[in-house]
């Protein structure tokens, strides 16, 4: 089968994605409305859901487990963490993982879904507002996420990923009313989206570079705080399969702390960890970042 033509990058994505635009507008309006309904219980609930969606979900499940296979865990744990990730409203696992693997393959070059070289706003959120990307491209899924594409659960949850927020939103409405929905769904989701988007934009613009990677990735401490350790992005691009991104003792990596706790409990194993002194392991070809490349990027 011939390799599919990539649809990512500013010049490849044209036309407004109406559904995404309407949803993002509504969530931003809801996030602003939450500020007029200050409720301690609602805010605490939002914080708990933020950790579940952003750390257990996006950082630990979609990114370090499903995309790069930086550690192994039981299937039930993988599925639970994936469900947490759907609460972030960043798409299902097929879309998210495929997009991120393309990003690593084409980082800051033609075909990168969200490089700041095509504009900071584009890298931050413009890339999801225009075109259809890889949302329903079965050929691209078969190439970039064959491991997930063979799993019925990941295929199913990719289709219905938005339902988790509907269910949680209804439960919050029944429990605490409108303030809980505004904080626990709208504000929390909007905050989490921008935190993730800052990894795409800010950590390819501002920060320091420990490793001489082929892209513009940087280590950015304040993005790391907002995104549970994902801001140590230059470390990550140098060693993508490493489950630990904050490689130095002073680089706070909440996702790594949680992974370490699960390892202590015997719930994860075969954890890949890079070393500060390790050479950059990338290659200049365009292979997709899949499981059989693990040993190229770990100590």
Protein backbone atom coordinates (compact mmCIF):
# COMPACT_ATOMS: atom_id res chain seq x y z
CA UNK A 1 0.00 0.00 0.00
CA UNK A 2 1.37 3.41 -0.93
CA UNK A 3 2.10 5.78 1.92
CA UNK A 4 -0.79 8.23 2.41
CA UNK A 5 -0.30 11.90 1.65
CA UNK A 6 0.00 13.88 4.86
CA UNK A 7 -2.70 16.48 5.33
CA UNK A 8 -0.99 18.38 8.11
CA UNK A 9 0.76 21.73 8.03
CA UNK A 10 -0.68 25.19 7.39
CA UNK A 11 -0.52 25.04 3.61
CA UNK A 12 -2.24 21.65 3.56
CA UNK A 13 -5.16 22.54 5.86
CA UNK A 14 -7.71 24.93 4.38
CA UNK A 15 -11.28 25.77 5.24
CA UNK A 16 -12.77 26.38 8.67
CA UNK A 17 -13.52 23.31 10.79
CA UNK A 18 -16.97 24.51 11.80
CA UNK A 19 -17.67 21.90 14.49
CA UNK A 20 -14.36 22.54 16.25
CA UNK A 21 -14.74 26.31 15.93
CA UNK A 22 -18.23 26.30 17.45
CA UNK A 23 -17.17 23.94 20.26
CA UNK A 24 -14.07 25.98 21.13
CA UNK A 25 -16.09 29.22 21.12
CA UNK A 26 -18.72 27.72 23.42
CA UNK A 27 -16.14 26.34 25.85
CA UNK A 28 -14.30 29.67 26.07
CA UNK A 29 -17.56 31.48 26.76
CA UNK A 30 -18.43 28.92 29.42
CA UNK A 31 -14.97 29.31 30.99
CA UNK A 32 -15.48 33.06 31.29
CA UNK A 33 -18.97 32.54 32.72
CA UNK A 34 -17.50 30.30 35.44
CA UNK A 35 -15.67 33.30 36.89
CA UNK A 36 -19.05 34.78 37.87
CA UNK A 37 -20.02 31.66 39.85
CA UNK A 38 -17.27 31.27 42.42
CA UNK A 39 -17.88 28.06 44.35
CA UNK A 40 -15.11 26.34 46.33
CA UNK A 41 -16.55 22.87 45.82
CA UNK A 42 -16.86 23.44 42.08
CA UNK A 43 -13.29 24.74 41.86
CA UNK A 44 -11.89 21.77 43.79
CA UNK A 45 -13.87 19.41 41.56
CA UNK A 46 -12.43 21.15 38.51
CA UNK A 47 -8.89 20.73 39.86
CA UNK A 48 -9.41 17.00 40.44
CA UNK A 49 -10.78 16.55 36.92
CA UNK A 50 -7.91 18.65 35.53
CA UNK A 51 -5.37 16.27 37.07
CA UNK A 52 -7.30 13.24 35.81
CA UNK A 53 -7.59 14.60 32.27
CA UNK A 54 -4.26 16.38 31.90
CA UNK A 55 -1.88 14.19 33.87
CA UNK A 56 -3.36 10.68 34.10
CA UNK A 57 -4.92 11.14 30.69
CA UNK A 58 -2.98 13.26 28.20
CA UNK A 59 0.49 13.06 29.76
CA UNK A 60 0.56 9.50 31.05
CA UNK A 61 -1.86 7.75 28.67
CA UNK A 62 -2.00 9.44 25.28
CA UNK A 63 1.59 10.70 25.31
CA UNK A 64 3.99 8.58 27.32
CA UNK A 65 2.11 5.26 27.08
CA UNK A 66 0.14 5.10 23.82
CA UNK A 67 2.31 7.31 21.61
CA UNK A 68 5.82 6.38 22.75
CA UNK A 69 5.32 3.21 24.80
CA UNK A 70 7.59 4.53 27.53
CA UNK A 71 6.26 1.95 29.97
CA UNK A 72 3.97 -1.06 30.09
CA UNK A 73 0.85 -1.63 32.15
CA UNK A 74 -2.18 -3.86 32.36
CA UNK A 75 -4.83 -3.45 29.67
CA UNK A 76 -7.45 -2.39 32.19
CA UNK A 77 -5.12 0.34 33.44
CA UNK A 78 -4.35 1.45 29.87
CA UNK A 79 -8.08 1.70 29.15
CA UNK A 80 -8.78 3.58 32.40
CA UNK A 81 -6.03 6.12 31.69
CA UNK A 82 -7.33 6.48 28.13
CA UNK A 83 -10.81 7.25 29.47
CA UNK A 84 -9.24 9.94 31.65
CA UNK A 85 -7.61 11.40 28.54
CA UNK A 86 -10.92 11.73 26.72
CA UNK A 87 -12.00 14.17 29.44
CA UNK A 88 -9.44 16.64 28.04
CA UNK A 89 -11.53 16.99 24.85
CA UNK A 90 -8.42 16.65 22.67
CA UNK A 91 -9.84 13.92 20.46
CA UNK A 92 -9.72 10.15 20.69
CA UNK A 93 -6.52 8.12 21.01
CA UNK A 94 -6.26 7.31 17.27
CA UNK A 95 -6.31 10.98 16.29
CA UNK A 96 -4.14 12.23 19.16
CA UNK A 97 -1.44 9.57 18.86
CA UNK A 98 -1.32 9.70 15.06
CA UNK A 99 -0.98 13.50 15.17
CA UNK A 100 1.82 13.34 17.71
CA UNK A 101 3.74 10.65 15.85
CA UNK A 102 3.53 12.77 12.70
CA UNK A 103 4.77 15.73 14.76
CA UNK A 104 7.85 13.80 15.85
CA UNK A 105 8.50 12.55 12.36
CA UNK A 106 8.17 16.01 10.76
CA UNK A 107 9.02 18.24 13.72
CA UNK A 108 9.37 21.88 12.63
CA UNK A 109 9.50 20.84 8.98
CA UNK A 110 6.97 20.65 6.17
CA UNK A 111 4.17 18.36 7.30
CA UNK A 112 4.43 19.13 11.02
CA UNK A 113 0.84 19.64 12.25
CA UNK A 114 1.66 22.55 14.55
CA UNK A 115 5.07 24.13 14.10
CA UNK A 116 5.53 27.77 15.18
CA UNK A 117 7.55 28.25 11.99
CA UNK A 118 4.12 28.63 10.40
CA UNK A 119 3.00 31.09 13.08
CA UNK A 120 2.66 31.06 16.84
CA UNK A 121 -1.14 31.26 16.74
CA UNK A 122 -1.24 28.43 14.20
CA UNK A 123 0.93 26.23 16.43
CA UNK A 124 -1.15 27.05 19.50
CA UNK A 125 -4.70 26.46 18.26
CA UNK A 126 -5.08 27.46 14.62
CA UNK A 127 -4.11 23.99 13.42
CA UNK A 128 -7.21 22.40 14.93
CA UNK A 129 -9.53 25.12 13.60
CA UNK A 130 -8.84 24.55 9.92
CA UNK A 131 -9.16 21.45 7.75
CA UNK A 132 -10.05 17.94 8.84
CA UNK A 133 -6.56 16.64 9.56
CA UNK A 134 -6.35 12.93 10.37
CA UNK A 135 -9.62 12.62 12.26
CA UNK A 136 -11.11 9.88 10.07
CA UNK A 137 -8.23 8.89 7.78
CA UNK A 138 -8.08 5.11 8.07
CA UNK A 139 -4.99 4.82 5.84
CA UNK A 140 -3.01 7.20 8.03
CA UNK A 141 -4.25 5.43 11.16
CA UNK A 142 -3.09 2.11 9.72
CA UNK A 143 0.36 3.59 9.12
CA UNK A 144 0.91 5.68 12.22
CA UNK A 145 -1.14 3.89 14.89
CA UNK A 146 -1.28 0.24 13.81
CA UNK A 147 -0.98 -0.86 17.44
CA UNK A 148 -4.10 1.10 18.44
CA UNK A 149 -5.97 0.50 15.20
CA UNK A 150 -6.00 -3.23 15.96
CA UNK A 151 -7.54 -2.66 19.39
CA UNK A 152 -11.39 -2.56 19.36
CA UNK A 153 -11.51 -0.45 22.52
CA UNK A 154 -9.29 2.30 21.13
CA UNK A 155 -11.23 2.32 17.85
CA UNK A 156 -14.52 2.55 19.74
CA UNK A 157 -13.43 5.23 22.23
CA UNK A 158 -11.96 7.28 19.39
CA UNK A 159 -15.44 7.51 17.89
CA UNK A 160 -17.19 8.30 21.16
CA UNK A 161 -14.47 10.21 23.04
CA UNK A 162 -16.71 13.25 23.59
CA UNK A 163 -19.26 11.23 25.58
CA UNK A 164 -17.13 11.18 28.73
CA UNK A 165 -17.59 14.93 29.19
CA UNK A 166 -21.32 14.62 28.53
CA UNK A 167 -21.67 11.97 31.23
CA UNK A 168 -19.48 13.84 33.73
CA UNK A 169 -21.28 17.09 32.92
CA UNK A 170 -24.69 15.55 33.65
CA UNK A 171 -23.39 14.11 36.93
CA UNK A 172 -21.99 17.52 37.92
CA UNK A 173 -25.28 19.20 37.03
CA UNK A 174 -27.20 16.76 39.20
CA UNK A 175 -24.75 17.08 42.09
CA UNK A 176 -23.90 20.77 42.20
CA UNK A 177 -25.84 22.59 39.54
CA UNK A 178 -24.63 25.12 36.97
CA UNK A 179 -21.48 26.27 38.87
CA UNK A 180 -20.12 22.73 38.92
CA UNK A 181 -20.72 22.35 35.18
CA UNK A 182 -19.11 25.70 34.36
CA UNK A 183 -16.01 24.98 36.46
CA UNK A 184 -15.77 21.19 36.08
CA UNK A 185 -16.41 21.08 32.33
CA UNK A 186 -16.01 24.45 30.63
CA UNK A 187 -13.29 26.20 32.66
CA UNK A 188 -11.33 23.03 33.40
CA UNK A 189 -11.37 21.85 29.80
CA UNK A 190 -10.43 25.25 28.37
CA UNK A 191 -7.56 25.62 30.84
CA UNK A 192 -6.33 22.12 30.02
CA UNK A 193 -6.52 22.70 26.27
CA UNK A 194 -4.39 25.83 26.44
CA UNK A 195 -1.90 24.08 28.72
CA UNK A 196 -1.46 21.32 26.13
CA UNK A 197 -1.38 23.80 23.24
CA UNK A 198 1.44 25.69 24.96
CA UNK A 199 3.57 22.56 24.57
CA UNK A 200 2.98 22.78 20.82
CA UNK A 201 3.65 26.50 20.60
CA UNK A 202 5.65 27.94 23.51
CA UNK A 203 8.09 25.05 23.89
CA UNK A 204 9.11 25.44 20.27
CA UNK A 205 9.70 29.20 20.74
CA UNK A 206 10.88 30.06 24.27
CA UNK A 207 13.14 28.19 26.67
CA UNK A 208 16.53 26.51 26.85
CA UNK A 209 18.00 23.68 24.80
CA UNK A 210 20.01 20.96 26.53
CA UNK A 211 20.17 18.68 23.48
CA UNK A 212 21.01 19.60 19.89
CA UNK A 213 17.90 18.11 18.27
CA UNK A 214 16.95 18.64 14.64
CA UNK A 215 13.91 20.75 15.64
CA UNK A 216 13.27 23.90 17.69
CA UNK A 217 12.12 22.15 20.88
CA UNK A 218 13.00 23.80 24.18
CA UNK A 219 12.74 23.13 27.90
CA UNK A 220 10.28 25.61 29.43
CA UNK A 221 9.75 25.52 33.18
CA UNK A 222 6.44 27.38 33.33
CA UNK A 223 4.87 25.22 30.62
CA UNK A 224 6.12 22.20 32.59
CA UNK A 225 4.21 23.48 35.63
CA UNK A 226 1.02 23.97 33.63
CA UNK A 227 1.28 20.66 31.76
CA UNK A 228 2.44 18.29 34.52
CA UNK A 229 6.02 18.01 33.20
CA UNK A 230 5.35 18.06 29.44
CA UNK A 231 7.20 21.37 29.16
CA UNK A 232 10.62 19.67 29.33
CA UNK A 233 10.13 19.36 25.61
CA UNK A 234 13.72 19.46 24.38
CA UNK A 235 14.51 16.55 26.71
CA UNK A 236 11.52 14.74 25.24
CA UNK A 237 12.39 15.35 21.59
CA UNK A 238 15.92 14.17 22.26
CA UNK A 239 14.67 10.98 23.96
CA UNK A 240 11.02 10.51 22.92
CA UNK A 241 10.49 7.05 24.43
CA UNK A 242 11.74 8.03 27.88
CA UNK A 243 8.86 7.99 30.36
CA UNK A 244 10.71 10.65 32.33
CA UNK A 245 10.88 14.12 30.75
CA UNK A 246 12.31 16.12 33.65
CA UNK A 247 15.76 14.54 33.55
CA UNK A 248 17.47 16.78 36.12
CA UNK A 249 16.54 16.73 39.80
CA UNK A 250 15.22 20.30 39.63
CA UNK A 251 12.96 19.66 36.61
CA UNK A 252 9.58 18.97 38.19
CA UNK A 253 7.76 16.25 36.24
CA UNK A 254 4.44 15.39 37.87
CA UNK A 255 3.62 12.77 35.25
CA UNK A 256 6.86 10.99 36.05
CA UNK A 257 6.04 11.08 39.78
CA UNK A 258 2.70 9.39 39.11
CA UNK A 259 4.33 6.79 36.84
CA UNK A 260 6.89 6.09 39.57
CA UNK A 261 4.11 5.63 42.12
CA UNK A 262 2.32 3.17 39.86
CA UNK A 263 5.59 1.29 39.38
CA UNK A 264 6.00 1.05 43.16
CA UNK A 265 2.50 -0.43 43.33
CA UNK A 266 3.37 -2.98 40.64
CA UNK A 267 0.91 -1.50 38.13
CA UNK A 268 3.51 -0.45 35.53
CA UNK A 269 6.79 -2.02 34.46
CA UNK A 270 9.50 -1.92 31.75
CA UNK A 271 9.78 1.82 32.30
CA UNK A 272 12.14 3.52 29.83
CA UNK A 273 14.30 6.31 31.28
CA UNK A 274 16.86 8.38 29.38
CA UNK A 275 20.08 9.75 30.89
CA UNK A 276 21.26 13.35 30.94
CA UNK A 277 24.51 12.34 29.23
CA UNK A 278 22.90 10.24 26.52
CA UNK A 279 23.48 11.28 22.91
CA UNK A 280 20.56 12.41 20.76
CA UNK A 281 19.11 9.27 19.13
CA UNK A 282 17.11 10.67 16.21
CA UNK A 283 17.56 9.67 12.60
CA UNK A 284 17.08 11.95 9.60
CA UNK A 285 14.64 9.70 7.75
CA UNK A 286 10.87 9.79 7.90
CA UNK A 287 9.91 6.58 9.66
CA UNK A 288 6.77 6.75 11.79
CA UNK A 289 7.39 6.72 15.53
CA UNK A 290 6.03 3.30 16.50
CA UNK A 291 6.81 0.56 18.94
CA UNK A 292 9.66 -1.09 17.06
CA UNK A 293 11.72 2.09 17.37
CA UNK A 294 11.81 2.07 21.16
CA UNK A 295 15.43 1.09 21.51
CA UNK A 296 16.52 4.04 19.35
CA UNK A 297 15.47 6.50 22.03
CA UNK A 298 16.14 5.04 25.45
CA UNK A 299 19.11 4.36 27.64
